[in-house]
């Protein structure tokens, strides 16, 4: 037997192993040669299967086997375990990943009708509503366009409350559909002024619909939906809400607040991949859709409502994403809604304190800060330096953060702390960020005022609230 595992023929001497790039190539005389690389691949496959069966991530063990010629491979983007900490898409739990690989089914058959019903029922529970839940194969942006197209008519006067990139984007969609858009704009980093909403509605009786972003992903500001809803409903207006990154990380009792349309999407806090937008629609919004004159086809509320009432969707649904959403909803139910909201509040506070302790300044300047995303002013003098810093984070530390958007591109960056995330994940993010800041700041000559004790004191408090496995207690 040779060192490579090839059986010796009678009367022959061992020969040096041949270096083949892959498994399954033949050596001298047609024997199978098992090379170092093929052993690594077999080992990695074994680790993947074993960890999948246990419901654990195989990456740490697979990375430990990334050897070449008996030596650890040099670090690259692919050999450093990635911490994906952007506001979405978010890391998918192994349990959800397995669910997403279930076999395809007939989207017009009884199996799909059961899947659709389970997804809708689960969403209604988390969103605290009995309203229609319409599903479209699309991103959250598709859900925002659907809301504009189904509620408005060309020339209709409508109020959009803006305080960041995504609320501005939504108002531009309405303008593209030729609505008469009135923008009530708050400075980026601040919440929408509820008194100003009341003033605008009192001064202009032509406005009958108001559009608000619940959680502004570009700035990390959470608008006060309870106060806004009270003012808007008192004025007799319909209220449409972009909560793509808001729910389920924040409680949003739709029926209690009287919200008419709430848009969310699968890739944020719902533990699922991108590809599905979910829209809660009230009876009043359905009536408005029957009267709205903006053109639509794929994103037609009435057509989709009719199809879902018969147990299917008007077009081929993203089955794998729906499998994942079904499992994500089960995980949310297992954790408990209140526990999930408390966990996001706890981790949001932990992230903000840790970032400030590292000498960084938050974009959000109000008390209404998001528990799903934090935006941070760049400590560097140029967009190029920020881009280099984010690249260093990704390639040298495995930490992936998001650049700013719109007027904050190159001037701010964003950290996502939503979905399947716990204290240890926030700790790892802060440790990587602090180490990278130290190294990069020396390189570019930036001095940051650090307050490490703040994060340590807060971390000790959180430690008492954790269960034995590092999960929220």
Protein backbone atom coordinates (compact mmCIF):
# COMPACT_ATOMS: atom_id res chain seq x y z
CA UNK A 1 0.00 0.00 0.00
CA UNK A 2 1.43 3.39 -0.99
CA UNK A 3 1.26 6.53 1.13
CA UNK A 4 -1.58 7.76 -1.07
CA UNK A 5 -3.70 4.71 -0.41
CA UNK A 6 -3.14 3.02 -3.80
CA UNK A 7 -2.67 -0.82 -3.56
CA UNK A 8 0.74 -2.11 -4.73
CA UNK A 9 0.88 -4.63 -7.54
CA UNK A 10 2.95 -7.74 -6.82
CA UNK A 11 6.65 -7.18 -7.51
CA UNK A 12 6.48 -3.40 -7.70
CA UNK A 13 8.04 -0.72 -5.55
CA UNK A 14 6.24 2.26 -4.08
CA UNK A 15 6.32 5.28 -6.37
CA UNK A 16 6.04 8.95 -5.47
CA UNK A 17 2.40 10.06 -5.34
CA UNK A 18 1.14 12.02 -8.32
CA UNK A 19 -0.28 15.48 -7.65
CA UNK A 20 -3.77 15.57 -9.12
CA UNK A 21 -6.06 18.55 -8.71
CA UNK A 22 -9.21 16.57 -8.04
CA UNK A 23 -10.74 13.40 -6.72
CA UNK A 24 -11.42 10.64 -9.24
CA UNK A 25 -8.41 11.11 -11.52
CA UNK A 26 -6.39 8.06 -12.37
CA UNK A 27 -2.71 7.45 -11.57
CA UNK A 28 -0.30 5.05 -13.20
CA UNK A 29 -1.98 1.95 -14.50
CA UNK A 30 -5.49 3.33 -13.97
CA UNK A 31 -5.48 3.16 -10.14
CA UNK A 32 -7.45 5.84 -8.26
CA UNK A 33 -5.14 8.41 -6.65
CA UNK A 34 -6.43 9.97 -3.44
CA UNK A 35 -4.53 13.25 -3.10
CA UNK A 36 -4.22 15.63 -0.16
CA UNK A 37 -6.78 17.91 -1.77
CA UNK A 38 -9.27 15.11 -2.32
CA UNK A 39 -8.90 14.01 1.30
CA UNK A 40 -9.66 17.59 2.35
CA UNK A 41 -12.77 17.60 0.21
CA UNK A 42 -13.97 14.26 1.56
CA UNK A 43 -13.30 15.49 5.10
CA UNK A 44 -15.17 18.74 4.44
CA UNK A 45 -18.13 16.84 3.03
CA UNK A 46 -18.17 14.60 6.08
CA UNK A 47 -18.07 17.62 8.39
CA UNK A 48 -20.89 19.26 6.44
CA UNK A 49 -23.13 16.18 6.65
CA UNK A 50 -22.37 15.62 10.32
CA UNK A 51 -22.97 19.24 11.30
CA UNK A 52 -26.13 19.42 9.19
CA UNK A 53 -27.52 16.41 11.05
CA UNK A 54 -26.77 18.16 14.35
CA UNK A 55 -28.23 21.47 13.18
CA UNK A 56 -24.88 23.25 13.56
CA UNK A 57 -22.89 25.36 11.16
CA UNK A 58 -20.07 23.35 9.55
CA UNK A 59 -17.96 26.42 8.72
CA UNK A 60 -15.61 26.47 11.74
CA UNK A 61 -14.67 22.80 11.34
CA UNK A 62 -14.43 23.00 7.56
CA UNK A 63 -12.18 26.05 7.84
CA UNK A 64 -9.87 24.15 10.20
CA UNK A 65 -9.41 21.53 7.47
CA UNK A 66 -8.46 24.08 4.78
CA UNK A 67 -4.92 22.78 4.43
CA UNK A 68 -2.59 22.44 1.48
CA UNK A 69 0.36 20.09 1.67
CA UNK A 70 -0.17 19.71 5.42
CA UNK A 71 -0.10 23.49 6.12
CA UNK A 72 -2.89 25.94 6.95
CA UNK A 73 -4.03 27.74 3.84
CA UNK A 74 -3.38 31.50 3.82
CA UNK A 75 -6.45 33.52 4.86
CA UNK A 76 -8.72 34.67 2.05
CA UNK A 77 -12.30 35.88 1.79
CA UNK A 78 -13.37 32.23 1.60
CA UNK A 79 -11.32 30.85 4.52
CA UNK A 80 -12.34 33.44 7.13
CA UNK A 81 -15.70 32.72 8.70
CA UNK A 82 -18.01 35.47 7.53
CA UNK A 83 -20.01 37.57 9.97
CA UNK A 84 -22.80 39.01 7.80
CA UNK A 85 -23.98 42.02 9.80
CA UNK A 86 -25.81 44.10 7.20
CA UNK A 87 -29.47 45.15 7.57
CA UNK A 88 -30.51 42.36 5.20
CA UNK A 89 -30.40 39.77 3.92
CA UNK A 90 -29.53 38.24 7.26
CA UNK A 91 -27.86 34.92 8.18
CA UNK A 92 -30.15 31.93 7.80
CA UNK A 93 -30.36 29.39 10.65
CA UNK A 94 -29.39 25.84 9.63
CA UNK A 95 -32.89 24.65 10.50
CA UNK A 96 -34.36 27.11 7.99
CA UNK A 97 -31.73 26.26 5.35
CA UNK A 98 -32.69 22.60 5.55
CA UNK A 99 -36.39 23.44 5.27
CA UNK A 100 -35.73 25.50 2.13
CA UNK A 101 -34.35 22.43 0.34
CA UNK A 102 -37.59 20.45 0.52
CA UNK A 103 -38.84 19.07 -2.82
CA UNK A 104 -40.88 21.22 -5.18
CA UNK A 105 -44.66 20.82 -5.13
CA UNK A 106 -47.54 21.74 -7.41
CA UNK A 107 -48.26 25.45 -6.75
CA UNK A 108 -51.90 24.81 -7.65
CA UNK A 109 -52.24 21.69 -5.53
CA UNK A 110 -53.47 20.99 -1.99
CA UNK A 111 -49.92 20.84 -0.57
CA UNK A 112 -49.28 24.44 -1.62
CA UNK A 113 -52.68 25.57 -0.30
CA UNK A 114 -51.67 24.18 3.12
CA UNK A 115 -48.26 25.89 2.93
CA UNK A 116 -49.86 29.21 1.98
CA UNK A 117 -52.37 28.97 4.81
CA UNK A 118 -49.67 28.21 7.37
CA UNK A 119 -47.55 31.17 6.23
CA UNK A 120 -50.51 33.56 6.30
CA UNK A 121 -51.69 32.34 9.70
CA UNK A 122 -48.20 32.67 11.18
CA UNK A 123 -47.78 36.18 9.78
CA UNK A 124 -51.14 37.27 11.16
CA UNK A 125 -50.10 36.11 14.63
CA UNK A 126 -46.80 38.02 14.66
CA UNK A 127 -48.33 41.13 13.08
CA UNK A 128 -51.31 41.01 15.48
CA UNK A 129 -53.90 41.41 12.75
CA UNK A 130 -56.88 39.77 11.09
CA UNK A 131 -56.31 41.75 7.88
CA UNK A 132 -55.63 40.13 4.53
CA UNK A 133 -52.02 39.01 4.10
CA UNK A 134 -51.03 39.15 0.44
CA UNK A 135 -47.82 37.48 -0.73
CA UNK A 136 -45.88 38.44 -3.86
CA UNK A 137 -42.68 36.98 -5.24
CA UNK A 138 -40.58 40.16 -4.97
CA UNK A 139 -38.25 42.15 -2.75
CA UNK A 140 -39.56 44.61 -0.19
CA UNK A 141 -39.28 47.31 -2.85
CA UNK A 142 -41.84 45.38 -4.88
CA UNK A 143 -44.21 45.54 -1.92
CA UNK A 144 -43.75 49.31 -1.69
CA UNK A 145 -44.55 49.74 -5.38
CA UNK A 146 -47.57 47.45 -5.01
CA UNK A 147 -48.92 49.68 -2.24
CA UNK A 148 -48.53 52.83 -4.32
CA UNK A 149 -50.12 51.27 -7.40
CA UNK A 150 -53.12 49.87 -5.50
CA UNK A 151 -53.95 52.86 -3.30
CA UNK A 152 -53.38 55.87 -5.57
CA UNK A 153 -54.67 57.44 -8.76
CA UNK A 154 -52.77 59.80 -11.06
CA UNK A 155 -53.12 63.38 -9.80
CA UNK A 156 -54.22 62.31 -6.31
CA UNK A 157 -52.73 64.43 -3.52
CA UNK A 158 -50.92 62.25 -0.99
CA UNK A 159 -48.62 62.84 2.01
CA UNK A 160 -45.26 61.07 2.29
CA UNK A 161 -43.30 61.46 5.52
CA UNK A 162 -39.61 61.12 4.75
CA UNK A 163 -36.52 60.97 6.95
CA UNK A 164 -34.05 58.82 5.00
CA UNK A 165 -33.22 56.96 1.81
CA UNK A 166 -36.06 54.41 1.79
CA UNK A 167 -38.83 56.84 2.66
CA UNK A 168 -37.53 59.15 -0.09
CA UNK A 169 -37.47 56.18 -2.48
CA UNK A 170 -41.10 55.41 -1.69
CA UNK A 171 -42.16 58.99 -2.40
CA UNK A 172 -40.34 58.86 -5.76
CA UNK A 173 -42.31 55.74 -6.68
CA UNK A 174 -45.55 57.64 -6.11
CA UNK A 175 -44.28 60.50 -8.25
CA UNK A 176 -43.45 58.01 -11.02
CA UNK A 177 -47.12 56.93 -10.91
CA UNK A 178 -48.00 60.63 -11.34
CA UNK A 179 -49.47 61.14 -7.86
CA UNK A 180 -49.38 64.69 -6.47
CA UNK A 181 -46.81 64.06 -3.73
CA UNK A 182 -46.57 66.29 -0.67
CA UNK A 183 -43.35 65.53 1.21
CA UNK A 184 -43.01 66.22 4.90
CA UNK A 185 -39.26 65.77 5.36
CA UNK A 186 -37.36 65.42 8.63
CA UNK A 187 -33.56 65.68 8.71
CA UNK A 188 -31.84 62.35 8.20
CA UNK A 189 -31.13 60.89 11.61
CA UNK A 190 -34.28 62.33 13.18
CA UNK A 191 -37.78 60.94 13.53
CA UNK A 192 -40.80 62.28 11.67
CA UNK A 193 -42.46 65.16 13.56
CA UNK A 194 -45.95 63.99 14.56
CA UNK A 195 -47.19 67.54 15.19
CA UNK A 196 -46.14 68.51 11.67
CA UNK A 197 -48.17 65.62 10.25
CA UNK A 198 -51.19 66.87 12.17
CA UNK A 199 -50.61 70.40 10.89
CA UNK A 200 -50.32 69.33 7.23
CA UNK A 201 -53.46 67.17 7.37
CA UNK A 202 -55.45 69.95 9.04
CA UNK A 203 -54.34 72.45 6.39
CA UNK A 204 -55.05 70.29 3.31
CA UNK A 205 -58.35 68.40 3.16
CA UNK A 206 -57.42 66.94 -0.25
CA UNK A 207 -54.99 64.51 1.41
CA UNK A 208 -56.70 61.25 2.30
CA UNK A 209 -53.72 58.86 2.41
CA UNK A 210 -50.46 59.03 4.37
CA UNK A 211 -47.31 56.96 3.76
CA UNK A 212 -44.75 56.49 6.56
CA UNK A 213 -41.62 54.37 7.00
CA UNK A 214 -41.68 52.56 10.33
CA UNK A 215 -37.96 51.74 10.58
CA UNK A 216 -35.68 53.84 8.35
CA UNK A 217 -32.93 51.37 7.42
CA UNK A 218 -30.62 54.07 6.08
CA UNK A 219 -30.37 55.97 9.37
CA UNK A 220 -31.36 53.57 12.14
CA UNK A 221 -34.33 55.72 13.22
CA UNK A 222 -37.58 54.16 14.43
CA UNK A 223 -40.62 56.36 13.91
CA UNK A 224 -43.32 56.45 16.61
CA UNK A 225 -46.06 54.56 14.81
CA UNK A 226 -48.52 54.72 17.70
CA UNK A 227 -48.41 58.52 17.82
CA UNK A 228 -48.47 58.83 14.01
CA UNK A 229 -51.40 56.43 13.68
CA UNK A 230 -53.40 58.34 16.28
CA UNK A 231 -53.03 61.60 14.34
CA UNK A 232 -53.61 60.10 10.89
CA UNK A 233 -56.67 58.09 11.87
CA UNK A 234 -58.16 61.09 13.71
CA UNK A 235 -57.93 62.96 10.39
CA UNK A 236 -59.85 60.15 8.67
CA UNK A 237 -56.96 59.13 6.40
CA UNK A 238 -55.64 55.77 5.27
CA UNK A 239 -52.20 54.94 6.67
CA UNK A 240 -49.66 52.87 4.70
CA UNK A 241 -46.47 51.73 6.46
CA UNK A 242 -43.12 50.51 5.16
CA UNK A 243 -41.97 48.07 7.84
CA UNK A 244 -39.60 46.04 5.68
CA UNK A 245 -36.90 46.21 8.37
CA UNK A 246 -39.25 47.01 11.25
CA UNK A 247 -41.28 43.86 11.90
CA UNK A 248 -40.88 41.33 13.35
CA UNK A 249 -37.93 42.85 15.26
CA UNK A 250 -40.23 45.50 16.74
CA UNK A 251 -43.78 44.94 17.94
CA UNK A 252 -46.32 46.52 15.58
CA UNK A 253 -49.94 45.77 16.61
CA UNK A 254 -51.58 46.47 13.26
CA UNK A 255 -55.24 46.13 14.26
CA UNK A 256 -54.82 48.03 17.53
CA UNK A 257 -53.18 50.96 15.71
CA UNK A 258 -55.56 50.86 12.74
CA UNK A 259 -52.83 50.52 10.11
CA UNK A 260 -54.27 50.00 6.63
CA UNK A 261 -51.25 48.63 4.73
CA UNK A 262 -48.04 47.25 6.24
CA UNK A 263 -45.26 46.05 3.92
CA UNK A 264 -42.51 43.67 5.03
CA UNK A 265 -40.15 41.21 3.34
CA UNK A 266 -38.71 37.76 3.97
CA UNK A 267 -35.00 38.60 4.14
CA UNK A 268 -34.93 40.79 7.25
CA UNK A 269 -36.09 39.56 10.64
CA UNK A 270 -38.19 36.67 9.36
CA UNK A 271 -35.13 34.33 9.16
CA UNK A 272 -35.70 33.56 5.46
CA UNK A 273 -33.88 34.33 2.19
CA UNK A 274 -34.88 37.21 -0.10
CA UNK A 275 -37.66 36.75 -2.61
CA UNK A 276 -41.01 37.30 -0.89
CA UNK A 277 -42.82 40.48 0.11
CA UNK A 278 -45.70 40.14 2.57
CA UNK A 279 -48.36 42.88 2.75
CA UNK A 280 -51.07 43.22 5.41
CA UNK A 281 -54.07 44.98 3.85
CA UNK A 282 -57.16 46.25 5.69
CA UNK A 283 -60.71 46.18 4.37
CA UNK A 284 -60.52 49.96 3.85
CA UNK A 285 -57.36 49.54 1.76
CA UNK A 286 -59.04 46.82 -0.31
CA UNK A 287 -61.91 49.24 -1.01
CA UNK A 288 -59.39 51.91 -1.98
CA UNK A 289 -57.79 49.43 -4.39
CA UNK A 290 -61.12 48.97 -6.18
CA UNK A 291 -61.20 52.73 -6.87
CA UNK A 292 -57.50 53.42 -7.54
CA UNK A 293 -56.65 54.20 -11.17
CA UNK A 294 -52.88 53.65 -11.24
CA UNK A 295 -51.97 50.85 -13.67
CA UNK A 296 -50.87 47.49 -12.27
CA UNK A 297 -50.97 43.86 -13.21
CA UNK A 298 -48.54 41.63 -11.36
CA UNK A 299 -48.91 43.66 -8.15
CA UNK A 300 -52.72 43.77 -8.20
CA UNK A 301 -54.13 43.42 -4.67
CA UNK A 302 -57.58 42.34 -5.85
CA UNK A 303 -56.29 39.67 -8.21
CA UNK A 304 -53.89 38.29 -5.62
CA UNK A 305 -56.59 38.28 -2.93
CA UNK A 306 -58.89 36.31 -5.22
CA UNK A 307 -56.18 33.76 -6.05
CA UNK A 308 -55.09 33.28 -2.45
CA UNK A 309 -58.71 32.77 -1.48
CA UNK A 310 -58.64 29.75 -3.79
CA UNK A 311 -55.41 28.39 -2.33
CA UNK A 312 -52.82 29.55 -4.86
CA UNK A 313 -50.94 32.67 -6.03
CA UNK A 314 -51.53 34.38 -9.35
CA UNK A 315 -48.00 33.51 -10.57
CA UNK A 316 -45.46 30.82 -9.75
CA UNK A 317 -44.56 31.33 -6.08
CA UNK A 318 -41.00 31.21 -4.68
CA UNK A 319 -41.54 27.82 -3.04
CA UNK A 320 -38.14 27.53 -1.38
CA UNK A 321 -38.51 30.97 0.21
CA UNK A 322 -41.98 30.03 1.47
CA UNK A 323 -40.63 26.80 2.97
CA UNK A 324 -38.00 28.92 4.73
CA UNK A 325 -40.58 31.47 5.92
CA UNK A 326 -42.77 28.67 7.27
CA UNK A 327 -39.83 27.34 9.31
CA UNK A 328 -38.74 30.84 10.36
CA UNK A 329 -42.24 31.51 11.68
CA UNK A 330 -42.05 28.25 13.64
CA UNK A 331 -38.75 29.38 15.20
CA UNK A 332 -40.27 32.75 16.10
CA UNK A 333 -43.23 30.98 17.68
CA UNK A 334 -40.90 28.65 19.62
CA UNK A 335 -38.93 31.60 21.02
CA UNK A 336 -42.05 33.59 21.87
CA UNK A 337 -43.04 36.96 20.41
CA UNK A 338 -42.32 38.96 23.57
CA UNK A 339 -38.98 37.22 24.01
CA UNK A 340 -38.04 37.99 20.40
CA UNK A 341 -38.88 41.69 20.81
CA UNK A 342 -36.95 41.84 24.09
CA UNK A 343 -33.94 40.13 22.52
CA UNK A 344 -33.80 42.66 19.69
CA UNK A 345 -34.14 45.54 22.15
CA UNK A 346 -31.35 44.09 24.29
CA UNK A 347 -29.01 43.48 21.36
CA UNK A 348 -29.76 46.86 19.79
CA UNK A 349 -28.79 48.61 23.02
CA UNK A 350 -25.72 46.42 23.36
CA UNK A 351 -24.59 47.25 19.80
CA UNK A 352 -25.11 51.00 20.25
CA UNK A 353 -23.22 51.11 23.54
CA UNK A 354 -20.37 49.06 22.11
CA UNK A 355 -20.10 51.24 19.01
CA UNK A 356 -20.09 54.42 21.07
CA UNK A 357 -17.51 52.92 23.43
CA UNK A 358 -15.30 52.39 20.37
CA UNK A 359 -15.37 56.15 19.79
CA UNK A 360 -17.99 56.16 17.03
CA UNK A 361 -20.92 58.56 16.57
CA UNK A 362 -24.39 57.27 15.78
CA UNK A 363 -26.48 58.83 12.99
CA UNK A 364 -29.77 58.54 14.88
CA UNK A 365 -30.16 61.63 17.03
CA UNK A 366 -33.56 60.90 18.53
CA UNK A 367 -34.71 58.66 21.35
CA UNK A 368 -36.49 56.49 18.78
CA UNK A 369 -33.59 54.31 17.73
CA UNK A 370 -33.96 51.10 15.76
CA UNK A 371 -33.41 47.70 17.37
CA UNK A 372 -32.64 46.11 14.00
CA UNK A 373 -30.03 48.43 12.44
CA UNK A 374 -27.60 51.09 13.63
CA UNK A 375 -26.08 53.71 11.32
CA UNK A 376 -22.70 55.20 12.28
CA UNK A 377 -20.99 58.35 11.04
CA UNK A 378 -17.71 57.54 9.31
CA UNK A 379 -14.71 58.50 11.47
CA UNK A 380 -12.62 58.93 8.31
CA UNK A 381 -12.06 62.01 6.23
CA UNK A 382 -13.00 60.60 2.82
CA UNK A 383 -15.41 58.10 1.25
CA UNK A 384 -12.36 56.28 -0.12
CA UNK A 385 -11.01 55.69 3.39
CA UNK A 386 -14.39 54.34 4.52
CA UNK A 387 -14.55 52.02 1.51
CA UNK A 388 -11.03 50.73 2.30
CA UNK A 389 -11.97 50.22 5.94
CA UNK A 390 -15.08 48.20 5.03
CA UNK A 391 -12.95 46.14 2.64
CA UNK A 392 -10.40 45.47 5.41
CA UNK A 393 -13.20 44.40 7.71
CA UNK A 394 -14.45 41.91 5.15
CA UNK A 395 -11.15 40.48 3.91
CA UNK A 396 -9.11 40.48 7.13
CA UNK A 397 -11.73 40.03 9.83
CA UNK A 398 -14.62 38.38 8.00
CA UNK A 399 -17.03 41.11 9.12
CA UNK A 400 -19.41 42.41 6.44
CA UNK A 401 -21.07 45.77 7.14
CA UNK A 402 -23.06 48.04 4.83
CA UNK A 403 -22.07 51.42 3.43
CA UNK A 404 -24.37 54.40 3.77
CA UNK A 405 -27.09 55.15 1.23
CA UNK A 406 -28.00 58.28 -0.69
CA UNK A 407 -26.50 61.42 0.81
CA UNK A 408 -24.79 59.25 3.45
CA UNK A 409 -22.94 56.99 1.03
CA UNK A 410 -19.27 57.23 1.92
CA UNK A 411 -20.15 59.26 5.02
CA UNK A 412 -21.70 56.56 7.18
CA UNK A 413 -21.88 52.80 7.50
CA UNK A 414 -24.54 50.51 8.92
CA UNK A 415 -24.60 47.50 11.23
CA UNK A 416 -27.48 45.03 11.16
CA UNK A 417 -28.45 43.29 14.41
CA UNK A 418 -31.65 41.53 13.43
CA UNK A 419 -32.97 38.05 12.84
CA UNK A 420 -30.98 35.06 14.05
CA UNK A 421 -28.54 36.92 16.28
CA UNK A 422 -27.58 36.67 19.94
CA UNK A 423 -25.20 38.25 22.45
CA UNK A 424 -22.16 36.27 21.33
CA UNK A 425 -22.72 37.47 17.76
CA UNK A 426 -22.80 41.11 18.84
CA UNK A 427 -19.68 40.52 20.94
CA UNK A 428 -17.87 39.04 17.94
CA UNK A 429 -18.97 41.94 15.73
CA UNK A 430 -17.78 44.55 18.23
CA UNK A 431 -14.46 42.75 18.80
CA UNK A 432 -13.73 42.57 15.06
CA UNK A 433 -14.82 46.16 14.49
CA UNK A 434 -12.71 47.49 17.36
CA UNK A 435 -9.61 45.59 16.23
CA UNK A 436 -10.03 46.78 12.64
CA UNK A 437 -10.61 50.37 13.78
CA UNK A 438 -7.42 50.31 15.82
CA UNK A 439 -5.32 49.03 12.93
CA UNK A 440 -6.87 51.18 10.22
CA UNK A 441 -6.95 54.38 12.29
CA UNK A 442 -3.21 54.14 12.87
CA UNK A 443 -2.71 53.75 9.15
CA UNK A 444 -4.74 56.83 8.19
CA UNK A 445 -3.93 58.92 11.26
CA UNK A 446 -7.38 59.06 12.87
CA UNK A 447 -7.66 59.29 16.67
CA UNK A 448 -10.77 57.80 18.25
CA UNK A 449 -11.75 58.48 21.85
CA UNK A 450 -12.52 55.09 23.41
CA UNK A 451 -14.67 54.27 26.42
CA UNK A 452 -14.31 50.48 26.72
CA UNK A 453 -15.66 50.29 30.25
CA UNK A 454 -19.17 51.27 29.06
CA UNK A 455 -19.48 48.21 26.86
CA UNK A 456 -17.98 45.92 29.50
CA UNK A 457 -20.39 47.10 32.18
CA UNK A 458 -23.35 46.68 29.83
CA UNK A 459 -22.11 43.26 28.72
CA UNK A 460 -22.01 42.07 32.35
CA UNK A 461 -25.64 43.06 32.73
CA UNK A 462 -26.64 41.14 29.59
CA UNK A 463 -24.67 38.07 30.75
CA UNK A 464 -27.06 37.59 33.65
CA UNK A 465 -30.02 37.35 31.26
CA UNK A 466 -28.62 34.58 29.06
CA UNK A 467 -29.42 30.91 29.06
CA UNK A 468 -26.81 28.12 29.34
CA UNK A 469 -26.19 27.87 25.59
CA UNK A 470 -25.64 31.56 24.96
CA UNK A 471 -29.22 32.11 23.84
CA UNK A 472 -31.59 34.71 25.24
CA UNK A 473 -33.10 33.35 28.43
